[in-house]
Amino acid sequence: MIAAFRIARSKLRLPAFTHTIRFRLTVLYSGLLFVLTALVLGGTYLAVERSGEAHPVSKQFSASKYVNDEYVGEIPVVKVQEVEAAVNYETLANLRRFSFALLGGLAVASLAIGWVLSGRVLRPVRAISRTAAEIQATDLSQRIRLDGPKDELRDLADTVDSMLDRLDEAFRAQRQLIDDASHELRSPLAIIRANLDAVLTAEESDEAERRAAARSVDRATTRMTRLVEDLLATARRTAPALADADVDLAAAAGEACEEFAPLAAERGLVLHRRLTTGLTVIGDHDALRRAMGNLLSNAVRLAPPGTRITVAAGRTEGWLWASVQDEGPGILDDDQSRVFDRFWRAKANGGNRDRHAGLGLAIVRQIVESHGGQIRLFSQVGKGSTFVLWFPAPGAEQTNTGPPEDQPF
């Protein structure tokens, strides 16, 4: 029986508009208004009916009629109570007819009014749907920008606009990253291809040319390897499944120092450590070690031979910090706000461009901000640079202004 009912219902095709929210709201508004009006009219009818006796005239009497004391015949008469009951009966009949007519007209009018009102209420929803239908992955510039009162639908539209702003920024950054990465990869690939074609596969090339080509290929592959590692680090830190734990900030900085100690010694640099123990940060140990490693990589690469690189970590008020200080060429004031941009590269010594991929500092900022911290740069041309990573100490109260503006040492 139930199966037959379901089959019959599936075969019954209703018009498309009956499946819309507007139709359901219209039926709901009309039904509620109809029921309330019926209750009011029914209550009125019951009150009038119980206020007195109501029935047609049922008893009549005869009375003698006299004119100038002369009997002229019998006439029908009724009691006053019978007249009142008959009047009440006719009143109730008229009330019933009026109520049924009013309910019928109200049903039609409420459907029409409900259809119009529900359409006006759902107009912002249609605007949201229309804008969403026009949005594509390649064009997120469309916005709802809903006008009208600051109600729930306006809040919904503003929330969707805010979400679209974030998506647009994310897609823009993604496209920029892909374009920049493809550009950075194209250059070393071209170098490898040119050396392979010109020297390594040519039989007439001598041993010196082959060694020079091999060194060029090695530098190109090293550059590509660093770029790929930076891209993987960026993707890993933005992964939603990343689990944070208690990390010793000083230990992460110490591991980064151990990693770059041989390279620093090879370049004649003094690597000085000033690490305070007991600095616990909630985060990712590998990511924090990589952030310090990226800062050390820049310092070792740019600092003049014979100078000192200082790696420090400590606590100031409700913040933990780690820093890398070098005595390199420094950074121009106009460039300090751009050093953390992806693939941005400043001029190196001698006016030649620094051939580093340009993702290291951008990854450092991303790692620090994903841990709820901030990065600060203090630099003077010719005197060196100091990068300070600030992290909120677990359980400590931080001020709304953020970490201190000055260097911690």
Protein backbone atom coordinates (compact mmCIF):
# COMPACT_ATOMS: atom_id res chain seq x y z
CA MET A 1 0.00 0.00 0.00
CA ILE A 2 2.78 2.42 0.96
CA ALA A 3 4.78 1.48 -2.13
CA ALA A 4 1.74 2.14 -4.33
CA PHE A 5 1.26 5.54 -2.70
CA ARG A 6 4.90 6.47 -3.30
CA ILE A 7 4.67 5.41 -6.95
CA ALA A 8 1.49 7.45 -7.42
CA ARG A 9 3.08 10.47 -5.76
CA SER A 10 6.20 10.18 -7.94
CA LYS A 11 4.04 10.09 -11.06
CA LEU A 12 2.11 13.18 -9.96
CA ARG A 13 3.95 16.09 -11.52
CA LEU A 14 3.23 19.44 -9.93
CA PRO A 15 4.10 22.74 -11.58
CA ALA A 16 7.62 23.97 -11.04
CA PHE A 17 6.60 26.99 -8.97
CA THR A 18 5.03 24.74 -6.31
CA HIS A 19 8.53 23.53 -5.38
CA THR A 20 9.81 27.03 -4.59
CA ILE A 21 10.25 28.61 -1.17
CA ARG A 22 8.11 31.51 -2.33
CA PHE A 23 5.16 29.18 -2.93
CA ARG A 24 5.59 27.48 0.43
CA LEU A 25 5.81 30.83 2.22
CA THR A 26 2.70 32.02 0.41
CA VAL A 27 0.74 28.92 1.43
CA LEU A 28 2.04 29.24 4.99
CA TYR A 29 1.10 32.93 5.30
CA SER A 30 -2.30 32.37 3.70
CA GLY A 31 -3.03 29.27 5.79
CA LEU A 32 -2.14 30.97 9.06
CA LEU A 33 -4.22 34.04 8.22
CA PHE A 34 -7.14 31.86 7.15
CA VAL A 35 -7.02 29.81 10.36
CA LEU A 36 -6.76 32.89 12.59
CA THR A 37 -9.64 34.61 10.84
CA ALA A 38 -11.76 31.46 11.02
CA LEU A 39 -11.08 31.22 14.75
CA VAL A 40 -12.07 34.87 15.28
CA LEU A 41 -15.26 34.54 13.24
CA GLY A 42 -16.12 31.21 14.88
CA GLY A 43 -15.62 32.68 18.33
CA THR A 44 -17.81 35.65 17.42
CA TYR A 45 -20.51 33.33 16.09
CA LEU A 46 -20.49 31.20 19.24
CA ALA A 47 -20.65 34.31 21.44
CA VAL A 48 -23.66 35.67 19.54
CA GLU A 49 -25.35 32.27 19.52
CA ARG A 50 -25.02 31.83 23.28
CA SER A 51 -26.11 35.37 24.07
CA GLY A 52 -29.78 34.48 23.61
CA GLU A 53 -32.29 31.99 22.27
CA ALA A 54 -32.37 31.77 18.47
CA HIS A 55 -35.00 29.87 16.44
CA PRO A 56 -37.76 30.62 13.94
CA VAL A 57 -41.21 31.59 15.22
CA SER A 58 -42.77 28.33 16.39
CA LYS A 59 -45.82 29.39 18.43
CA GLN A 60 -48.56 31.74 17.29
CA PHE A 61 -51.74 32.79 19.10
CA SER A 62 -55.02 34.36 18.01
CA ALA A 63 -56.38 37.53 19.45
CA SER A 64 -59.68 39.33 18.93
CA LYS A 65 -59.47 42.65 17.21
CA TYR A 66 -61.92 45.41 18.04
CA VAL A 67 -62.40 48.68 16.24
CA ASN A 68 -64.50 51.29 18.09
CA ASP A 69 -65.58 48.57 20.48
CA GLU A 70 -66.79 46.52 17.53
CA TYR A 71 -65.41 43.02 17.00
CA VAL A 72 -63.82 42.70 13.56
CA GLY A 73 -62.19 39.24 13.78
CA GLU A 74 -59.18 37.21 14.93
CA ILE A 75 -55.54 38.17 14.17
CA PRO A 76 -52.34 36.09 14.72
CA VAL A 77 -49.99 37.28 17.48
CA VAL A 78 -46.72 35.99 19.04
CA LYS A 79 -44.93 36.54 22.29
CA VAL A 80 -42.08 39.02 22.60
CA GLN A 81 -39.64 36.18 23.42
CA GLU A 82 -40.54 34.47 20.15
CA VAL A 83 -39.81 37.70 18.23
CA GLU A 84 -36.45 38.11 19.91
CA ALA A 85 -35.55 34.47 19.14
CA ALA A 86 -36.54 34.92 15.50
CA VAL A 87 -34.41 38.09 15.24
CA ASN A 88 -31.46 36.26 16.76
CA TYR A 89 -31.96 33.39 14.36
CA GLU A 90 -31.88 35.69 11.32
CA THR A 91 -28.84 37.50 12.72
CA LEU A 92 -26.94 34.22 13.08
CA ALA A 93 -27.91 33.20 9.57
CA ASN A 94 -26.63 36.50 8.18
CA LEU A 95 -23.45 36.13 10.25
CA ARG A 96 -22.83 32.66 8.83
CA ARG A 97 -23.28 33.85 5.25
CA PHE A 98 -21.03 36.85 5.87
CA SER A 99 -18.37 34.70 7.54
CA PHE A 100 -18.24 32.19 4.68
CA ALA A 101 -18.05 34.98 2.12
CA LEU A 102 -15.34 36.73 4.12
CA LEU A 103 -13.30 33.53 4.48
CA GLY A 104 -13.53 32.85 0.75
CA GLY A 105 -12.45 36.36 -0.17
CA LEU A 106 -9.75 36.29 2.47
CA ALA A 107 -8.33 33.03 1.09
CA VAL A 108 -7.95 34.53 -2.38
CA ALA A 109 -6.65 37.89 -1.12
CA SER A 110 -4.19 36.30 1.32
CA LEU A 111 -2.73 34.12 -1.43
CA ALA A 112 -2.17 37.14 -3.65
CA ILE A 113 -0.77 39.30 -0.82
CA GLY A 114 1.38 36.42 0.47
CA TRP A 115 2.80 35.85 -3.01
CA VAL A 116 3.77 39.52 -3.32
CA LEU A 117 5.18 39.83 0.20
CA SER A 118 7.17 36.59 0.00
CA GLY A 119 8.60 37.78 -3.31
CA ARG A 120 9.79 41.01 -1.69
CA VAL A 121 11.23 39.12 1.28
CA LEU A 122 13.10 36.68 -0.98
CA ARG A 123 14.39 39.38 -3.34
CA PRO A 124 17.80 39.51 -1.57
CA VAL A 125 18.05 35.73 -1.84
CA ARG A 126 17.50 35.96 -5.58
CA ALA A 127 20.21 38.63 -5.76
CA ILE A 128 22.59 36.31 -3.90
CA SER A 129 21.73 33.39 -6.19
CA ARG A 130 22.10 35.52 -9.31
CA THR A 131 25.51 36.80 -8.22
CA ALA A 132 26.65 33.30 -7.25
CA ALA A 133 25.62 32.01 -10.68
CA GLU A 134 27.68 34.72 -12.38
CA ILE A 135 30.82 33.97 -10.36
CA GLN A 136 33.47 31.78 -11.94
CA ALA A 137 36.82 30.56 -10.70
CA THR A 138 38.57 32.87 -13.16
CA ASP A 139 36.51 35.93 -12.23
CA LEU A 140 35.63 36.59 -8.60
CA SER A 141 35.04 40.30 -9.03
CA GLN A 142 31.24 40.06 -8.72
CA ARG A 143 29.73 41.24 -5.43
CA ILE A 144 26.17 41.30 -4.11
CA ARG A 145 26.36 44.71 -2.37
CA LEU A 146 22.83 44.38 -1.02
CA ASP A 147 21.05 47.58 -0.04
CA GLY A 148 18.20 47.98 2.40
CA PRO A 149 17.77 47.56 6.15
CA LYS A 150 20.48 45.94 8.23
CA ASP A 151 18.60 42.68 8.76
CA GLU A 152 19.57 39.00 8.65
CA LEU A 153 19.56 38.86 4.84
CA ARG A 154 21.76 41.96 4.67
CA ASP A 155 24.15 40.29 7.11
CA LEU A 156 24.12 37.17 4.93
CA ALA A 157 24.90 39.18 1.80
CA ASP A 158 27.71 41.06 3.56
CA THR A 159 29.13 37.77 4.80
CA VAL A 160 29.07 36.33 1.29
CA ASP A 161 30.78 39.48 -0.05
CA SER A 162 33.45 39.17 2.63
CA MET A 163 33.95 35.52 1.73
CA LEU A 164 34.27 36.43 -1.94
CA ASP A 165 36.87 39.07 -1.05
CA ARG A 166 38.93 36.44 0.75
CA LEU A 167 38.51 33.94 -2.08
CA ASP A 168 39.46 36.57 -4.64
CA GLU A 169 42.58 37.44 -2.69
CA ALA A 170 43.46 33.75 -2.25
CA PHE A 171 42.99 32.99 -5.94
CA ARG A 172 44.94 36.10 -6.89
CA ALA A 173 47.80 35.10 -4.62
CA GLN A 174 47.67 31.56 -5.99
CA ARG A 175 47.81 32.75 -9.58
CA GLN A 176 50.63 35.12 -8.74
CA LEU A 177 52.54 32.34 -7.00
CA ILE A 178 52.09 30.01 -9.98
CA ASP A 179 53.18 32.69 -12.43
CA ASP A 180 56.21 33.64 -10.35
CA ALA A 181 57.18 30.03 -9.69
CA SER A 182 56.91 29.11 -13.36
CA HIS A 183 59.03 32.14 -14.23
CA GLU A 184 61.66 31.23 -11.62
CA LEU A 185 61.75 27.59 -12.77
CA ARG A 186 61.97 28.54 -16.43
CA SER A 187 65.31 30.29 -15.98
CA PRO A 188 67.30 27.39 -14.44
CA LEU A 189 65.70 24.96 -16.85
CA ALA A 190 66.84 27.14 -19.72
CA ILE A 191 70.36 27.21 -18.25
CA ILE A 192 70.44 23.42 -17.96
CA ARG A 193 69.07 22.99 -21.46
CA ALA A 194 71.59 25.43 -22.95
CA ASN A 195 74.58 23.78 -21.24
CA LEU A 196 73.45 20.33 -22.24
CA ASP A 197 73.01 21.36 -25.85
CA ALA A 198 76.13 23.52 -26.12
CA VAL A 199 78.75 21.64 -24.11
CA LEU A 200 77.85 18.39 -22.46
CA THR A 201 76.48 16.73 -25.59
CA ALA A 202 79.08 18.24 -27.95
CA GLU A 203 81.98 15.93 -28.76
CA GLU A 204 84.40 18.77 -29.59
CA SER A 205 84.11 20.43 -26.13
CA ASP A 206 87.18 20.11 -23.91
CA GLU A 207 87.35 19.10 -20.22
CA ALA A 208 87.40 22.70 -18.91
CA GLU A 209 84.22 23.58 -20.78
CA ARG A 210 82.54 20.47 -19.46
CA ARG A 211 83.49 21.32 -15.87
CA ALA A 212 82.18 24.89 -16.29
CA ALA A 213 78.93 23.57 -17.76
CA ALA A 214 78.62 21.05 -14.92
CA ARG A 215 79.02 23.84 -12.34
CA SER A 216 76.33 25.90 -14.11
CA VAL A 217 73.97 22.92 -14.15
CA ASP A 218 74.72 22.26 -10.47
CA ARG A 219 73.90 25.86 -9.52
CA ALA A 220 70.69 25.73 -11.57
CA THR A 221 69.54 22.47 -10.01
CA THR A 222 70.38 23.79 -6.54
CA ARG A 223 68.27 26.85 -7.22
CA MET A 224 65.39 24.70 -8.47
CA THR A 225 65.68 22.42 -5.44
CA ARG A 226 65.50 25.37 -3.03
CA LEU A 227 62.50 26.80 -4.87
CA VAL A 228 60.63 23.48 -4.79
CA GLU A 229 61.40 23.08 -1.07
CA ASP A 230 60.10 26.59 -0.41
CA LEU A 231 56.89 25.86 -2.32
CA LEU A 232 56.40 22.60 -0.39
CA ALA A 233 56.96 24.45 2.88
CA THR A 234 54.34 27.02 1.90
CA ALA A 235 51.82 24.32 1.02
CA ARG A 236 52.56 22.33 4.18
CA ARG A 237 52.07 25.26 6.55
CA THR A 238 48.72 26.18 4.98
CA ALA A 239 47.44 22.58 5.21
CA PRO A 240 44.34 22.42 7.48
CA ALA A 241 45.33 19.04 8.93
CA LEU A 242 48.56 20.38 10.45
CA ALA A 243 48.72 19.54 14.17
CA ASP A 244 50.59 21.88 16.53
CA ALA A 245 52.41 20.86 19.71
CA ASP A 246 54.70 22.33 22.37
CA VAL A 247 57.95 23.44 20.72
CA ASP A 248 61.17 24.60 22.37
CA LEU A 249 61.94 27.80 20.46
CA ALA A 250 65.58 27.80 21.54
CA ALA A 251 66.00 24.18 20.42
CA ALA A 252 64.55 24.97 16.98
CA ALA A 253 66.92 27.93 16.63
CA GLY A 254 69.84 25.76 17.80
CA GLU A 255 69.09 23.11 15.17
CA ALA A 256 69.07 25.78 12.48
CA CYS A 257 72.47 26.97 13.72
CA GLU A 258 73.85 23.43 13.53
CA GLU A 259 72.61 23.14 9.97
CA PHE A 260 74.36 26.32 8.77
CA ALA A 261 77.46 26.15 10.98
CA PRO A 262 79.61 24.38 8.33
CA LEU A 263 78.64 26.87 5.62
CA ALA A 264 79.30 29.81 7.96
CA ALA A 265 82.73 28.42 8.85
CA GLU A 266 83.53 27.89 5.17
CA ARG A 267 82.79 31.56 4.48
CA GLY A 268 84.81 32.72 7.49
CA LEU A 269 81.79 33.83 9.54
CA VAL A 270 81.47 33.63 13.32
CA LEU A 271 78.14 32.11 14.41
CA HIS A 272 77.35 33.36 17.94
CA ARG A 273 74.44 31.92 19.96
CA ARG A 274 72.54 33.58 22.82
CA LEU A 275 69.68 31.15 23.42
CA THR A 276 67.61 31.14 26.60
CA THR A 277 66.16 27.77 27.54
CA GLY A 278 62.56 27.07 28.55
CA LEU A 279 60.92 29.00 25.71
CA THR A 280 57.83 26.95 24.81
CA VAL A 281 55.76 27.87 21.77
CA ILE A 282 52.63 26.07 20.59
CA GLY A 283 53.27 25.30 16.94
CA ASP A 284 55.18 23.21 14.41
CA HIS A 285 58.78 22.40 15.27
CA ASP A 286 59.89 21.83 11.66
CA ALA A 287 58.25 25.05 10.48
CA LEU A 288 59.92 27.14 13.20
CA ARG A 289 63.30 25.55 12.48
CA ARG A 290 62.81 26.34 8.80
CA ALA A 291 61.93 29.97 9.59
CA MET A 292 65.16 30.39 11.53
CA GLY A 293 67.02 28.48 8.82
CA ASN A 294 65.77 30.83 6.10
CA LEU A 295 66.96 33.84 8.09
CA LEU A 296 70.34 32.20 8.67
CA SER A 297 70.59 31.30 4.98
CA ASN A 298 70.23 34.95 4.00
CA ALA A 299 72.67 36.07 6.69
CA VAL A 300 75.35 33.53 5.71
CA ARG A 301 74.91 34.31 2.05
CA LEU A 302 75.11 38.11 2.37
CA ALA A 303 77.34 38.78 5.37
CA PRO A 304 80.95 39.75 4.54
CA PRO A 305 83.65 37.20 5.50
CA GLY A 306 85.10 37.70 8.97
CA THR A 307 81.92 39.23 10.42
CA ARG A 308 79.64 37.80 13.13
CA ILE A 309 76.11 36.42 12.94
CA THR A 310 74.21 36.41 16.24
CA VAL A 311 71.31 34.01 16.84
CA ALA A 312 69.36 34.79 20.01
CA ALA A 313 66.13 33.82 21.74
CA GLY A 314 64.43 35.05 24.90
CA ARG A 315 61.31 36.36 26.61
CA THR A 316 60.01 39.92 26.89
CA GLU A 317 56.82 40.58 28.87
CA GLY A 318 54.15 38.24 27.42
CA TRP A 319 56.07 37.45 24.25
CA LEU A 320 58.75 35.00 23.20
CA TRP A 321 61.23 36.01 20.54
CA ALA A 322 63.98 34.64 18.33
CA SER A 323 66.29 36.78 16.20
CA VAL A 324 69.07 36.64 13.64
CA GLN A 325 71.48 39.57 13.43
CA ASP A 326 74.15 40.00 10.77
CA GLU A 327 76.69 42.62 9.72
CA GLY A 328 75.81 42.49 6.05
CA PRO A 329 75.03 45.26 3.55
CA GLY A 330 71.69 46.14 5.15
CA ILE A 331 68.42 47.01 3.44
CA LEU A 332 67.24 50.36 2.13
CA ASP A 333 64.39 52.02 4.01
CA ASP A 334 62.19 51.96 0.91
CA ASP A 335 62.78 48.21 0.49
CA GLN A 336 62.14 47.12 4.08
CA SER A 337 58.37 46.94 3.60
CA ARG A 338 58.79 44.72 0.52
CA VAL A 339 61.38 42.19 1.62
CA PHE A 340 58.65 39.78 2.78
CA ASP A 341 56.84 39.76 -0.57
CA ARG A 342 57.05 36.63 -2.65
CA PHE A 343 59.78 36.60 -5.29
CA TRP A 344 60.85 40.16 -4.50
CA ARG A 345 64.61 40.56 -4.69
CA ALA A 346 66.71 43.56 -3.76
CA LYS A 347 69.85 44.69 -5.50
CA ALA A 348 72.94 42.85 -4.28
CA ASN A 349 76.39 44.28 -3.76
CA GLY A 350 77.88 45.77 -6.89
CA GLY A 351 74.49 46.47 -8.41
CA ASN A 352 73.96 42.89 -9.60
CA ARG A 353 70.70 41.21 -8.82
CA ASP A 354 70.57 38.66 -6.05
CA ARG A 355 69.88 35.36 -7.69
CA HIS A 356 68.04 33.85 -4.72
CA ALA A 357 64.55 32.60 -5.51
CA GLY A 358 62.86 35.22 -3.31
CA LEU A 359 60.55 32.94 -1.28
CA GLY A 360 62.59 32.59 1.94
CA LEU A 361 61.41 35.68 3.82
CA ALA A 362 57.85 35.29 2.53
CA ILE A 363 57.79 31.80 4.04
CA VAL A 364 59.24 33.12 7.30
CA ARG A 365 56.43 35.67 7.58
CA GLN A 366 53.82 33.04 6.75
CA ILE A 367 55.17 30.66 9.41
CA VAL A 368 55.31 33.38 12.07
CA GLU A 369 51.82 34.71 11.34
CA SER A 370 50.35 31.19 11.29
CA HIS A 371 51.65 30.84 14.86
CA GLY A 372 49.89 34.04 15.89
CA GLY A 373 53.13 36.04 15.91
CA GLN A 374 54.72 38.95 14.09
CA ILE A 375 58.04 39.57 12.38
CA ARG A 376 60.03 42.80 12.72
CA LEU A 377 62.99 44.07 10.70
CA PHE A 378 65.65 46.50 11.92
CA SER A 379 68.23 47.41 9.28
CA GLN A 380 70.65 50.15 8.30
CA VAL A 381 72.56 50.28 5.05
CA GLY A 382 76.18 49.31 5.63
CA LYS A 383 75.59 48.19 9.23
CA GLY A 384 73.59 44.98 8.85
CA SER A 385 70.11 43.70 9.56
CA THR A 386 68.26 42.15 12.48
CA PHE A 387 65.14 39.99 12.01
CA VAL A 388 63.07 39.39 15.16
CA LEU A 389 60.33 36.76 15.33
CA TRP A 390 57.75 37.44 18.06
CA PHE A 391 55.43 34.70 19.36
CA PRO A 392 52.74 34.93 22.06
CA ALA A 393 53.78 33.08 25.21
CA PRO A 394 51.27 30.38 26.19
CA GLY A 395 49.11 31.50 29.11
CA ALA A 396 50.44 35.07 29.09
CA GLU A 397 48.36 38.18 28.45
CA GLN A 398 49.29 40.12 25.34
CA THR A 399 48.48 43.78 24.80
CA ASN A 400 46.31 44.86 21.90
CA THR A 401 49.23 46.83 20.48
CA GLY A 402 51.23 43.66 19.83
CA PRO A 403 54.84 42.91 20.72
CA PRO A 404 57.35 45.68 21.57
CA GLU A 405 58.50 47.88 18.71
CA ASP A 406 62.16 47.97 19.75
CA GLN A 407 64.77 45.26 19.49
CA PRO A 408 64.69 42.85 22.44
CA PHE A 409 68.46 43.15 23.05
